Amino acid sequence: MGSEAVPLEVPILTGIAETGQQNGLHAAVESFVQRVRGLTDEERRTVADRRSGIDEALREKALRAGAEAIARHPHLYAHARAQVAGAHLPAALEDGSTDGEWVRVSRLVQLAIDEGLVAIVGSGTLHPNHLRELIAPWPAELSGR
């Protein structure tokens, strides 16, 4: 009666590298780049404070996974990274000041930017726990501008 055998090797996920998904990835990266480039000093401080409260052992595992995940899109990561090269610097440090608190903020924001880019570029293959860990310093309210 119409009971046809279903092949055992049916691909569950197809078309992972289709153009639409690539466009979505590029749009997500561009959105993050714009978000980072538009940071105010107070937003930098918020990101730095959130980044400083993260368990480094978990972060390290997530970053290793992320490094493997971005291997599929190295040019996208490199291009985005170049666009945000100086975005971690608060106004207080742009004139050569060495205020200790702003140096700390700058260092932590730089880490958060790098890890956020790894998360977004690798989002198609990263485990959700790793993705959450890498993007954790970026509060949702910063993206609503």
N, C-alpha and C. Protein backbone atom coordinates (compact mmCIF):
# COMPACT_ATOMS: atom_id res chain seq x y z
N MET A 1 0.82 -1.18 0.00
CA MET A 1 0.00 0.00 0.00
C MET A 1 0.86 1.24 0.00
N GLY A 2 1.59 1.71 -0.61
CA GLY A 2 2.32 2.97 -0.59
C GLY A 2 3.39 3.10 0.47
N SER A 3 3.83 2.03 1.06
CA SER A 3 4.88 2.15 2.08
C SER A 3 6.23 2.00 1.39
N GLU A 4 6.76 3.12 1.01
CA GLU A 4 8.05 3.12 0.32
C GLU A 4 9.15 3.25 1.35
N ALA A 5 10.22 2.59 1.09
CA ALA A 5 11.36 2.65 2.00
C ALA A 5 12.06 4.00 1.88
N VAL A 6 12.35 4.57 3.01
CA VAL A 6 13.07 5.84 3.03
C VAL A 6 14.55 5.51 3.11
N PRO A 7 15.37 6.08 2.23
CA PRO A 7 16.80 5.80 2.30
C PRO A 7 17.37 6.21 3.65
N LEU A 8 18.29 5.42 4.16
CA LEU A 8 18.88 5.68 5.47
C LEU A 8 19.84 6.86 5.46
N GLU A 9 20.36 7.21 4.33
CA GLU A 9 21.35 8.28 4.27
C GLU A 9 20.75 9.56 3.69
N VAL A 10 19.67 10.01 4.26
CA VAL A 10 19.04 11.26 3.82
C VAL A 10 19.75 12.41 4.51
N PRO A 11 20.29 13.37 3.75
CA PRO A 11 20.97 14.50 4.38
C PRO A 11 19.98 15.35 5.18
N ILE A 12 20.29 15.59 6.42
CA ILE A 12 19.41 16.38 7.29
C ILE A 12 19.54 17.86 6.97
N LEU A 13 20.77 18.32 6.82
CA LEU A 13 21.01 19.72 6.50
C LEU A 13 21.53 19.81 5.08
N THR A 14 20.88 20.61 4.28
CA THR A 14 21.34 20.80 2.90
C THR A 14 21.48 22.28 2.63
N GLY A 15 22.33 22.61 1.71
CA GLY A 15 22.47 23.99 1.28
C GLY A 15 23.10 24.92 2.30
N ILE A 16 23.99 24.40 3.14
CA ILE A 16 24.59 25.23 4.18
C ILE A 16 25.35 26.41 3.58
N ALA A 17 25.97 26.21 2.47
CA ALA A 17 26.79 27.27 1.88
C ALA A 17 26.06 28.03 0.77
N GLU A 18 24.75 28.01 0.79
CA GLU A 18 24.01 28.73 -0.23
C GLU A 18 24.17 30.24 -0.07
N THR A 19 23.95 30.93 -1.15
CA THR A 19 24.16 32.36 -1.18
C THR A 19 23.36 33.10 -0.12
N GLY A 20 22.13 32.74 0.11
CA GLY A 20 21.30 33.43 1.10
C GLY A 20 21.90 33.36 2.48
N GLN A 21 22.44 32.21 2.84
CA GLN A 21 23.06 32.08 4.15
C GLN A 21 24.35 32.87 4.23
N GLN A 22 25.10 32.91 3.15
CA GLN A 22 26.32 33.72 3.12
C GLN A 22 25.98 35.19 3.27
N ASN A 23 24.91 35.63 2.61
CA ASN A 23 24.49 37.02 2.73
C ASN A 23 24.08 37.34 4.15
N GLY A 24 23.40 36.39 4.81
CA GLY A 24 23.01 36.58 6.20
C GLY A 24 24.21 36.71 7.11
N LEU A 25 25.23 35.92 6.87
CA LEU A 25 26.46 35.99 7.67
C LEU A 25 27.15 37.34 7.46
N HIS A 26 27.25 37.75 6.22
CA HIS A 26 27.87 39.05 5.93
C HIS A 26 27.10 40.20 6.59
N ALA A 27 25.77 40.11 6.56
CA ALA A 27 24.95 41.15 7.18
C ALA A 27 25.15 41.17 8.69
N ALA A 28 25.25 39.99 9.31
CA ALA A 28 25.46 39.92 10.76
C ALA A 28 26.81 40.50 11.14
N VAL A 29 27.83 40.20 10.36
CA VAL A 29 29.17 40.74 10.63
C VAL A 29 29.16 42.25 10.45
N GLU A 30 28.54 42.74 9.41
CA GLU A 30 28.48 44.18 9.16
C GLU A 30 27.73 44.89 10.28
N SER A 31 26.66 44.28 10.77
CA SER A 31 25.91 44.86 11.87
C SER A 31 26.77 44.96 13.13
N PHE A 32 27.54 43.92 13.40
CA PHE A 32 28.42 43.94 14.57
C PHE A 32 29.51 45.00 14.40
N VAL A 33 30.07 45.10 13.21
CA VAL A 33 31.11 46.10 12.94
C VAL A 33 30.54 47.50 13.19
N GLN A 34 29.35 47.79 12.70
CA GLN A 34 28.74 49.10 12.92
C GLN A 34 28.48 49.35 14.40
N ARG A 35 28.04 48.33 15.09
CA ARG A 35 27.79 48.44 16.53
C ARG A 35 29.07 48.79 17.27
N VAL A 36 30.16 48.10 16.92
CA VAL A 36 31.45 48.33 17.57
C VAL A 36 31.98 49.72 17.25
N ARG A 37 31.88 50.12 16.00
CA ARG A 37 32.40 51.43 15.59
C ARG A 37 31.64 52.59 16.21
N GLY A 38 30.41 52.33 16.64
CA GLY A 38 29.60 53.38 17.23
C GLY A 38 29.63 53.42 18.76
N LEU A 39 30.51 52.65 19.38
CA LEU A 39 30.56 52.60 20.84
C LEU A 39 30.92 53.96 21.45
N THR A 40 30.21 54.30 22.51
CA THR A 40 30.59 55.47 23.31
C THR A 40 31.52 55.00 24.42
N ASP A 41 32.15 55.91 25.12
CA ASP A 41 33.04 55.51 26.21
C ASP A 41 32.28 54.79 27.32
N GLU A 42 31.07 55.22 27.60
CA GLU A 42 30.28 54.53 28.64
C GLU A 42 29.90 53.12 28.21
N GLU A 43 29.60 52.95 26.93
CA GLU A 43 29.31 51.61 26.42
C GLU A 43 30.57 50.74 26.46
N ARG A 44 31.71 51.34 26.17
CA ARG A 44 32.98 50.60 26.30
C ARG A 44 33.16 50.12 27.73
N ARG A 45 32.87 50.98 28.69
CA ARG A 45 33.00 50.61 30.09
C ARG A 45 32.05 49.46 30.44
N THR A 46 30.83 49.50 29.92
CA THR A 46 29.86 48.42 30.16
C THR A 46 30.37 47.10 29.60
N VAL A 47 30.85 47.12 28.37
CA VAL A 47 31.38 45.91 27.74
C VAL A 47 32.59 45.40 28.53
N ALA A 48 33.47 46.29 28.94
CA ALA A 48 34.66 45.90 29.70
C ALA A 48 34.27 45.27 31.04
N ASP A 49 33.31 45.86 31.72
CA ASP A 49 32.88 45.30 33.00
C ASP A 49 32.28 43.92 32.82
N ARG A 50 31.50 43.73 31.78
CA ARG A 50 30.90 42.42 31.52
C ARG A 50 31.98 41.41 31.12
N ARG A 51 32.96 41.87 30.35
CA ARG A 51 34.04 40.96 29.92
C ARG A 51 34.90 40.54 31.09
N SER A 52 35.12 41.41 32.05
CA SER A 52 35.99 41.09 33.19
C SER A 52 35.35 40.06 34.12
N GLY A 53 34.04 39.89 34.05
CA GLY A 53 33.36 38.96 34.93
C GLY A 53 33.17 37.57 34.36
N ILE A 54 33.87 37.24 33.30
CA ILE A 54 33.66 35.96 32.62
C ILE A 54 34.71 34.94 33.06
N ASP A 55 34.28 33.70 33.23
CA ASP A 55 35.17 32.59 33.59
C ASP A 55 36.13 32.34 32.43
N GLU A 56 37.42 32.54 32.68
CA GLU A 56 38.42 32.43 31.60
C GLU A 56 38.60 31.00 31.09
N ALA A 57 38.36 30.00 31.94
CA ALA A 57 38.49 28.61 31.49
C ALA A 57 37.41 28.29 30.45
N LEU A 58 36.18 28.73 30.71
CA LEU A 58 35.11 28.52 29.74
C LEU A 58 35.36 29.33 28.47
N ARG A 59 35.84 30.54 28.66
CA ARG A 59 36.14 31.42 27.54
C ARG A 59 37.20 30.80 26.63
N GLU A 60 38.21 30.20 27.23
CA GLU A 60 39.28 29.59 26.44
C GLU A 60 38.75 28.45 25.57
N LYS A 61 37.90 27.61 26.13
CA LYS A 61 37.31 26.51 25.35
C LYS A 61 36.48 27.06 24.20
N ALA A 62 35.69 28.07 24.48
CA ALA A 62 34.84 28.66 23.45
C ALA A 62 35.69 29.31 22.36
N LEU A 63 36.78 29.95 22.74
CA LEU A 63 37.64 30.60 21.77
C LEU A 63 38.36 29.58 20.88
N ARG A 64 38.76 28.47 21.46
CA ARG A 64 39.36 27.40 20.64
C ARG A 64 38.38 26.89 19.60
N ALA A 65 37.15 26.65 20.03
CA ALA A 65 36.11 26.20 19.10
C ALA A 65 35.86 27.28 18.04
N GLY A 66 35.86 28.53 18.46
CA GLY A 66 35.64 29.63 17.53
C GLY A 66 36.75 29.76 16.50
N ALA A 67 37.97 29.53 16.93
CA ALA A 67 39.11 29.59 15.99
C ALA A 67 38.96 28.55 14.89
N GLU A 68 38.46 27.39 15.26
CA GLU A 68 38.21 26.36 14.25
C GLU A 68 37.05 26.75 13.34
N ALA A 69 36.04 27.36 13.93
CA ALA A 69 34.84 27.73 13.17
C ALA A 69 35.11 28.83 12.14
N ILE A 70 35.99 29.78 12.46
CA ILE A 70 36.23 30.87 11.50
C ILE A 70 37.16 30.46 10.37
N ALA A 71 37.71 29.26 10.46
CA ALA A 71 38.58 28.78 9.38
C ALA A 71 37.83 28.70 8.05
N ARG A 72 36.52 28.62 8.12
CA ARG A 72 35.72 28.56 6.89
C ARG A 72 35.57 29.94 6.24
N HIS A 73 35.81 31.01 7.01
CA HIS A 73 35.60 32.38 6.51
C HIS A 73 36.74 33.31 6.95
N PRO A 74 37.98 32.96 6.68
CA PRO A 74 39.09 33.78 7.20
C PRO A 74 39.11 35.20 6.63
N HIS A 75 38.73 35.36 5.38
CA HIS A 75 38.76 36.69 4.78
C HIS A 75 37.69 37.60 5.38
N LEU A 76 36.55 37.03 5.69
CA LEU A 76 35.48 37.80 6.31
C LEU A 76 35.92 38.30 7.68
N TYR A 77 36.54 37.42 8.45
CA TYR A 77 37.03 37.80 9.78
C TYR A 77 38.10 38.89 9.65
N ALA A 78 39.07 38.68 8.78
CA ALA A 78 40.18 39.63 8.63
C ALA A 78 39.68 41.00 8.17
N HIS A 79 38.73 41.01 7.25
CA HIS A 79 38.18 42.28 6.75
C HIS A 79 37.44 43.02 7.87
N ALA A 80 36.62 42.29 8.60
CA ALA A 80 35.87 42.92 9.70
C ALA A 80 36.82 43.40 10.79
N ARG A 81 37.83 42.62 11.09
CA ARG A 81 38.79 42.99 12.14
C ARG A 81 39.52 44.28 11.77
N ALA A 82 39.86 44.42 10.50
CA ALA A 82 40.52 45.64 10.04
C ALA A 82 39.61 46.86 10.19
N GLN A 83 38.31 46.67 10.00
CA GLN A 83 37.37 47.78 10.10
C GLN A 83 37.19 48.29 11.53
N VAL A 84 37.48 47.46 12.52
CA VAL A 84 37.28 47.85 13.92
C VAL A 84 38.61 47.98 14.66
N ALA A 85 39.67 48.16 13.92
CA ALA A 85 41.02 48.15 14.51
C ALA A 85 41.19 49.10 15.69
N GLY A 86 40.65 50.28 15.65
CA GLY A 86 40.85 51.23 16.74
C GLY A 86 39.61 51.49 17.57
N ALA A 87 38.58 50.68 17.38
CA ALA A 87 37.30 50.93 18.05
C ALA A 87 37.33 50.70 19.55
N HIS A 88 38.35 50.03 20.03
CA HIS A 88 38.44 49.76 21.47
C HIS A 88 38.96 50.95 22.25
N LEU A 89 39.56 51.91 21.56
CA LEU A 89 40.18 53.05 22.24
C LEU A 89 39.17 54.10 22.69
N PRO A 90 39.08 54.35 23.98
CA PRO A 90 38.22 55.43 24.46
C PRO A 90 38.87 56.78 24.16
N ALA A 91 38.06 57.81 24.17
CA ALA A 91 38.56 59.16 23.87
C ALA A 91 39.71 59.56 24.79
N ALA A 92 39.68 59.11 26.04
CA ALA A 92 40.72 59.48 27.01
C ALA A 92 42.10 58.95 26.61
N LEU A 93 42.15 57.90 25.82
CA LEU A 93 43.45 57.34 25.42
C LEU A 93 43.89 57.78 24.03
N GLU A 94 43.00 58.34 23.28
CA GLU A 94 43.35 58.76 21.92
C GLU A 94 44.38 59.87 21.89
N ASP A 95 44.47 60.65 22.96
CA ASP A 95 45.44 61.75 23.00
C ASP A 95 46.75 61.34 23.68
N GLY A 96 46.95 60.04 23.90
CA GLY A 96 48.20 59.56 24.48
C GLY A 96 48.20 59.42 25.99
N SER A 97 47.09 59.66 26.64
CA SER A 97 46.98 59.51 28.08
C SER A 97 47.19 58.04 28.47
N THR A 98 47.62 57.81 29.70
CA THR A 98 47.83 56.44 30.18
C THR A 98 47.03 56.18 31.45
N ASP A 99 45.85 56.75 31.56
CA ASP A 99 44.98 56.54 32.70
C ASP A 99 44.73 55.04 32.87
N GLY A 100 45.07 54.49 34.03
CA GLY A 100 44.99 53.06 34.28
C GLY A 100 43.62 52.44 34.07
N GLU A 101 42.57 53.13 34.50
CA GLU A 101 41.21 52.59 34.34
C GLU A 101 40.84 52.49 32.87
N TRP A 102 41.16 53.52 32.08
CA TRP A 102 40.82 53.47 30.66
C TRP A 102 41.70 52.50 29.90
N VAL A 103 42.91 52.27 30.35
CA VAL A 103 43.76 51.24 29.73
C VAL A 103 43.11 49.87 29.95
N ARG A 104 42.62 49.63 31.17
CA ARG A 104 41.93 48.37 31.48
C ARG A 104 40.69 48.21 30.60
N VAL A 105 39.91 49.27 30.51
CA VAL A 105 38.70 49.24 29.67
C VAL A 105 39.08 48.93 28.23
N SER A 106 40.08 49.61 27.72
CA SER A 106 40.51 49.42 26.34
C SER A 106 40.94 47.98 26.08
N ARG A 107 41.72 47.42 26.99
CA ARG A 107 42.21 46.04 26.82
C ARG A 107 41.05 45.05 26.81
N LEU A 108 40.12 45.20 27.74
CA LEU A 108 38.98 44.28 27.83
C LEU A 108 38.02 44.43 26.64
N VAL A 109 37.84 45.65 26.18
CA VAL A 109 36.98 45.86 25.01
C VAL A 109 37.63 45.25 23.77
N GLN A 110 38.95 45.37 23.66
CA GLN A 110 39.64 44.75 22.53
C GLN A 110 39.42 43.24 22.52
N LEU A 111 39.53 42.61 23.68
CA LEU A 111 39.26 41.17 23.77
C LEU A 111 37.81 40.87 23.39
N ALA A 112 36.88 41.67 23.89
CA ALA A 112 35.46 41.44 23.60
C ALA A 112 35.15 41.61 22.11
N ILE A 113 35.79 42.57 21.47
CA ILE A 113 35.60 42.76 20.02
C ILE A 113 36.11 41.55 19.26
N ASP A 114 37.32 41.12 19.57
CA ASP A 114 37.89 39.96 18.87
C ASP A 114 37.04 38.72 19.07
N GLU A 115 36.61 38.48 20.30
CA GLU A 115 35.81 37.31 20.60
C GLU A 115 34.42 37.41 19.98
N GLY A 116 33.85 38.61 19.96
CA GLY A 116 32.56 38.81 19.32
C GLY A 116 32.61 38.53 17.82
N LEU A 117 33.68 38.98 17.19
CA LEU A 117 33.84 38.70 15.76
C LEU A 117 33.99 37.20 15.50
N VAL A 118 34.76 36.53 16.35
CA VAL A 118 34.91 35.08 16.22
C VAL A 118 33.54 34.42 16.35
N ALA A 119 32.74 34.86 17.32
CA ALA A 119 31.42 34.28 17.53
C ALA A 119 30.52 34.48 16.31
N ILE A 120 30.51 35.68 15.77
CA ILE A 120 29.60 35.97 14.66
C ILE A 120 30.05 35.30 13.38
N VAL A 121 31.34 35.36 13.07
CA VAL A 121 31.84 34.72 11.86
C VAL A 121 31.68 33.20 11.95
N GLY A 122 31.86 32.65 13.13
CA GLY A 122 31.74 31.21 13.31
C GLY A 122 30.36 30.74 13.71
N SER A 123 29.38 31.62 13.71
CA SER A 123 28.06 31.30 14.24
C SER A 123 27.36 30.14 13.53
N GLY A 124 27.70 29.88 12.31
CA GLY A 124 27.07 28.77 11.58
C GLY A 124 27.49 27.40 12.07
N THR A 125 28.63 27.33 12.73
CA THR A 125 29.12 26.02 13.16
C THR A 125 29.41 25.93 14.66
N LEU A 126 29.44 27.04 15.35
CA LEU A 126 29.74 27.02 16.78
C LEU A 126 28.59 26.42 17.59
N HIS A 127 28.95 25.69 18.62
CA HIS A 127 27.94 25.18 19.56
C HIS A 127 27.30 26.38 20.25
N PRO A 128 26.01 26.34 20.51
CA PRO A 128 25.34 27.49 21.15
C PRO A 128 25.97 27.93 22.47
N ASN A 129 26.48 27.00 23.26
CA ASN A 129 27.13 27.38 24.51
C ASN A 129 28.39 28.20 24.26
N HIS A 130 29.16 27.82 23.25
CA HIS A 130 30.36 28.58 22.91
C HIS A 130 30.00 29.94 22.35
N LEU A 131 28.97 29.97 21.53
CA LEU A 131 28.51 31.23 20.96
C LEU A 131 28.08 32.19 22.07
N ARG A 132 27.29 31.70 23.01
CA ARG A 132 26.85 32.53 24.14
C ARG A 132 28.02 33.05 24.95
N GLU A 133 29.00 32.21 25.18
CA GLU A 133 30.16 32.59 25.99
C GLU A 133 30.96 33.70 25.30
N LEU A 134 31.14 33.60 23.99
CA LEU A 134 31.94 34.59 23.26
C LEU A 134 31.22 35.93 23.09
N ILE A 135 29.91 35.89 23.03
CA ILE A 135 29.16 37.13 22.79
C ILE A 135 28.65 37.76 24.09
N ALA A 136 28.88 37.10 25.22
CA ALA A 136 28.34 37.53 26.52
C ALA A 136 28.65 38.98 26.91
N PRO A 137 29.81 39.54 26.58
CA PRO A 137 30.08 40.93 27.00
C PRO A 137 29.21 41.98 26.30
N TRP A 138 28.51 41.59 25.25
CA TRP A 138 27.77 42.56 24.46
C TRP A 138 26.29 42.56 24.85
N PRO A 139 25.89 43.52 25.68
CA PRO A 139 24.48 43.58 26.12
C PRO A 139 23.57 43.90 24.92
N ALA A 140 22.40 43.31 24.95
CA ALA A 140 21.44 43.49 23.85
C ALA A 140 21.06 44.96 23.67
N GLU A 141 21.01 45.71 24.75
CA GLU A 141 20.56 47.10 24.62
C GLU A 141 21.52 47.96 23.79
N LEU A 142 22.76 47.53 23.61
CA LEU A 142 23.68 48.31 22.77
C LEU A 142 23.33 48.18 21.30
N SER A 143 22.61 47.14 20.91
CA SER A 143 22.31 46.96 19.51
C SER A 143 21.04 47.68 19.08
N GLY A 144 20.32 48.24 20.01
CA GLY A 144 19.04 48.86 19.68
C GLY A 144 19.11 50.32 19.30
N ARG A 145 20.28 50.82 18.95
CA ARG A 145 20.39 52.25 18.62
C ARG A 145 19.92 52.55 17.24
